[in-house]
Amino acid sequence: MAYVWGGGSPNHGFGCSGLVQYVCRTWGISLPHTAAEQYHVGRPVSFLDLEPGDLVFLANTYKPGVSHVGIYIGDGQWVQAAGTGIGVV
């Protein structure tokens, strides 16, 4: 799947928050579009308590503050729209 900045569809590609928003929507969960906005929805859990389906946020990846998001899938792995040339991994 292709990475597209701000993208939110399998037909055109995904950005990180668009991927998370799309997946959550398929499960009936409504989320805002940006990683920073998604960060403020739900409740935080510690890294050691992550369960499959939890959102993982990174800060300061390309701008100050929360700037990247993916979905934890278990065993220390997560799904993310990683960037141009990498895509969804």
C-alpha atoms as a PDB file:
ATOM      1  CA  MET A   1       0.000   0.000   0.000  1.00  0.00           C
ATOM      2  CA  ALA A   2       1.323   3.402  -0.934  1.00  0.00           C
ATOM      3  CA  TYR A   3       2.108   6.203   1.486  1.00  0.00           C
ATOM      4  CA  VAL A   4       0.371   9.475   0.666  1.00  0.00           C
ATOM      5  CA  TRP A   5       0.732  12.481   2.986  1.00  0.00           C
ATOM      6  CA  GLY A   6      -2.695  13.037   4.543  1.00  0.00           C
ATOM      7  CA  GLY A   7      -4.154  10.117   2.584  1.00  0.00           C
ATOM      8  CA  GLY A   8      -7.023   8.112   3.976  1.00  0.00           C
ATOM      9  CA  SER A   9      -8.120   5.484   1.463  1.00  0.00           C
ATOM     10  CA  PRO A  10      -6.849   2.170   0.119  1.00  0.00           C
ATOM     11  CA  ASN A  11      -7.463   3.412  -3.426  1.00  0.00           C
ATOM     12  CA  HIS A  12      -5.218   6.453  -3.139  1.00  0.00           C
ATOM     13  CA  GLY A  13      -2.875   5.585  -0.252  1.00  0.00           C
ATOM     14  CA  PHE A  14      -2.544   6.380   3.418  1.00  0.00           C
ATOM     15  CA  GLY A  15      -0.806   8.754   5.747  1.00  0.00           C
ATOM     16  CA  CYS A  16      -0.304   7.466   9.284  1.00  0.00           C
ATOM     17  CA  SER A  17      -3.391   9.034  10.849  1.00  0.00           C
ATOM     18  CA  GLY A  18      -5.526   8.355   7.772  1.00  0.00           C
ATOM     19  CA  LEU A  19      -4.665   4.658   8.014  1.00  0.00           C
ATOM     20  CA  VAL A  20      -5.622   4.562  11.695  1.00  0.00           C
ATOM     21  CA  GLN A  21      -8.815   6.508  11.036  1.00  0.00           C
ATOM     22  CA  TYR A  22      -9.768   4.167   8.164  1.00  0.00           C
ATOM     23  CA  VAL A  23      -9.155   0.971  10.163  1.00  0.00           C
ATOM     24  CA  CYS A  24     -11.024   2.282  13.191  1.00  0.00           C
ATOM     25  CA  ARG A  25     -13.952   3.369  11.006  1.00  0.00           C
ATOM     26  CA  THR A  26     -14.313  -0.219   9.734  1.00  0.00           C
ATOM     27  CA  TRP A  27     -14.871  -1.222  13.385  1.00  0.00           C
ATOM     28  CA  GLY A  28     -17.403   1.562  13.980  1.00  0.00           C
ATOM     29  CA  ILE A  29     -14.964   3.816  15.853  1.00  0.00           C
ATOM     30  CA  SER A  30     -14.950   7.476  14.866  1.00  0.00           C
ATOM     31  CA  LEU A  31     -11.629   9.318  15.190  1.00  0.00           C
ATOM     32  CA  PRO A  32     -10.382  12.735  14.096  1.00  0.00           C
ATOM     33  CA  HIS A  33      -7.910  12.782  11.234  1.00  0.00           C
ATOM     34  CA  THR A  34      -4.562  13.966  12.602  1.00  0.00           C
ATOM     35  CA  ALA A  35      -2.271  12.021  14.931  1.00  0.00           C
ATOM     36  CA  ALA A  36      -2.225  14.961  17.356  1.00  0.00           C
ATOM     37  CA  GLU A  37      -6.035  14.991  17.516  1.00  0.00           C
ATOM     38  CA  GLN A  38      -6.237  11.184  17.826  1.00  0.00           C
ATOM     39  CA  TYR A  39      -3.819  11.322  20.745  1.00  0.00           C
ATOM     40  CA  HIS A  40      -6.430  13.124  22.832  1.00  0.00           C
ATOM     41  CA  VAL A  41      -9.107  10.433  22.302  1.00  0.00           C
ATOM     42  CA  GLY A  42      -9.232   7.453  24.627  1.00  0.00           C
ATOM     43  CA  ARG A  43      -6.979   6.827  27.585  1.00  0.00           C
ATOM     44  CA  PRO A  44      -3.230   6.255  27.845  1.00  0.00           C
ATOM     45  CA  VAL A  45      -1.722   2.870  28.706  1.00  0.00           C
ATOM     46  CA  SER A  46       1.885   2.040  29.500  1.00  0.00           C
ATOM     47  CA  PHE A  47       4.084   0.458  26.864  1.00  0.00           C
ATOM     48  CA  LEU A  48       4.132  -2.794  28.855  1.00  0.00           C
ATOM     49  CA  ASP A  49       0.326  -2.933  28.900  1.00  0.00           C
ATOM     50  CA  LEU A  50      -0.235  -2.529  25.147  1.00  0.00           C
ATOM     51  CA  GLU A  51      -2.792  -4.881  23.633  1.00  0.00           C
ATOM     52  CA  PRO A  52      -3.550  -5.539  19.952  1.00  0.00           C
ATOM     53  CA  GLY A  53      -5.646  -2.685  18.624  1.00  0.00           C
ATOM     54  CA  ASP A  54      -4.124  -0.026  20.887  1.00  0.00           C
ATOM     55  CA  LEU A  55      -2.829   3.072  19.150  1.00  0.00           C
ATOM     56  CA  VAL A  56       0.871   3.883  19.437  1.00  0.00           C
ATOM     57  CA  PHE A  57       1.927   7.516  19.156  1.00  0.00           C
ATOM     58  CA  LEU A  58       5.342   9.024  18.471  1.00  0.00           C
ATOM     59  CA  ALA A  59       6.350  12.606  19.073  1.00  0.00           C
ATOM     60  CA  ASN A  60       8.827  14.885  17.346  1.00  0.00           C
ATOM     61  CA  THR A  61       9.227  12.761  14.211  1.00  0.00           C
ATOM     62  CA  TYR A  62       9.006  15.675  11.777  1.00  0.00           C
ATOM     63  CA  LYS A  63       7.542  18.433  13.936  1.00  0.00           C
ATOM     64  CA  PRO A  64       7.303  19.133  17.671  1.00  0.00           C
ATOM     65  CA  GLY A  65       4.641  17.231  19.593  1.00  0.00           C
ATOM     66  CA  VAL A  66       2.641  14.137  18.616  1.00  0.00           C
ATOM     67  CA  SER A  67       3.369  13.587  14.950  1.00  0.00           C
ATOM     68  CA  HIS A  68       2.957   9.878  14.114  1.00  0.00           C
ATOM     69  CA  VAL A  69       0.520   7.072  14.933  1.00  0.00           C
ATOM     70  CA  GLY A  70       0.159   3.368  14.248  1.00  0.00           C
ATOM     71  CA  ILE A  71      -1.779   0.357  15.525  1.00  0.00           C
ATOM     72  CA  TYR A  72      -0.218  -2.194  17.869  1.00  0.00           C
ATOM     73  CA  ILE A  73      -0.746  -5.781  16.653  1.00  0.00           C
ATOM     74  CA  GLY A  74       1.035  -7.721  19.409  1.00  0.00           C
ATOM     75  CA  ASP A  75       4.451  -9.262  19.984  1.00  0.00           C
ATOM     76  CA  GLY A  76       6.131  -5.850  19.910  1.00  0.00           C
ATOM     77  CA  GLN A  77       4.897  -5.131  16.369  1.00  0.00           C
ATOM     78  CA  TRP A  78       2.691  -2.448  14.929  1.00  0.00           C
ATOM     79  CA  VAL A  79       1.156  -1.414  11.613  1.00  0.00           C
ATOM     80  CA  GLN A  80       1.913   2.064  10.319  1.00  0.00           C
ATOM     81  CA  ALA A  81       2.013   4.153   7.180  1.00  0.00           C
ATOM     82  CA  ALA A  82       5.747   4.681   7.465  1.00  0.00           C
ATOM     83  CA  GLY A  83       6.510   7.222   4.763  1.00  0.00           C
ATOM     84  CA  THR A  84       7.315   7.793   1.116  1.00  0.00           C
ATOM     85  CA  GLY A  85       9.133   4.827  -0.404  1.00  0.00           C
ATOM     86  CA  ILE A  86       8.165   2.582   2.513  1.00  0.00           C
ATOM     87  CA  GLY A  87       4.368   2.566   2.510  1.00  0.00           C
ATOM     88  CA  VAL A  88       2.223   0.650   4.988  1.00  0.00           C
ATOM     89  CA  VAL A  89       4.248  -1.830   7.015  1.00  0.00           C
END
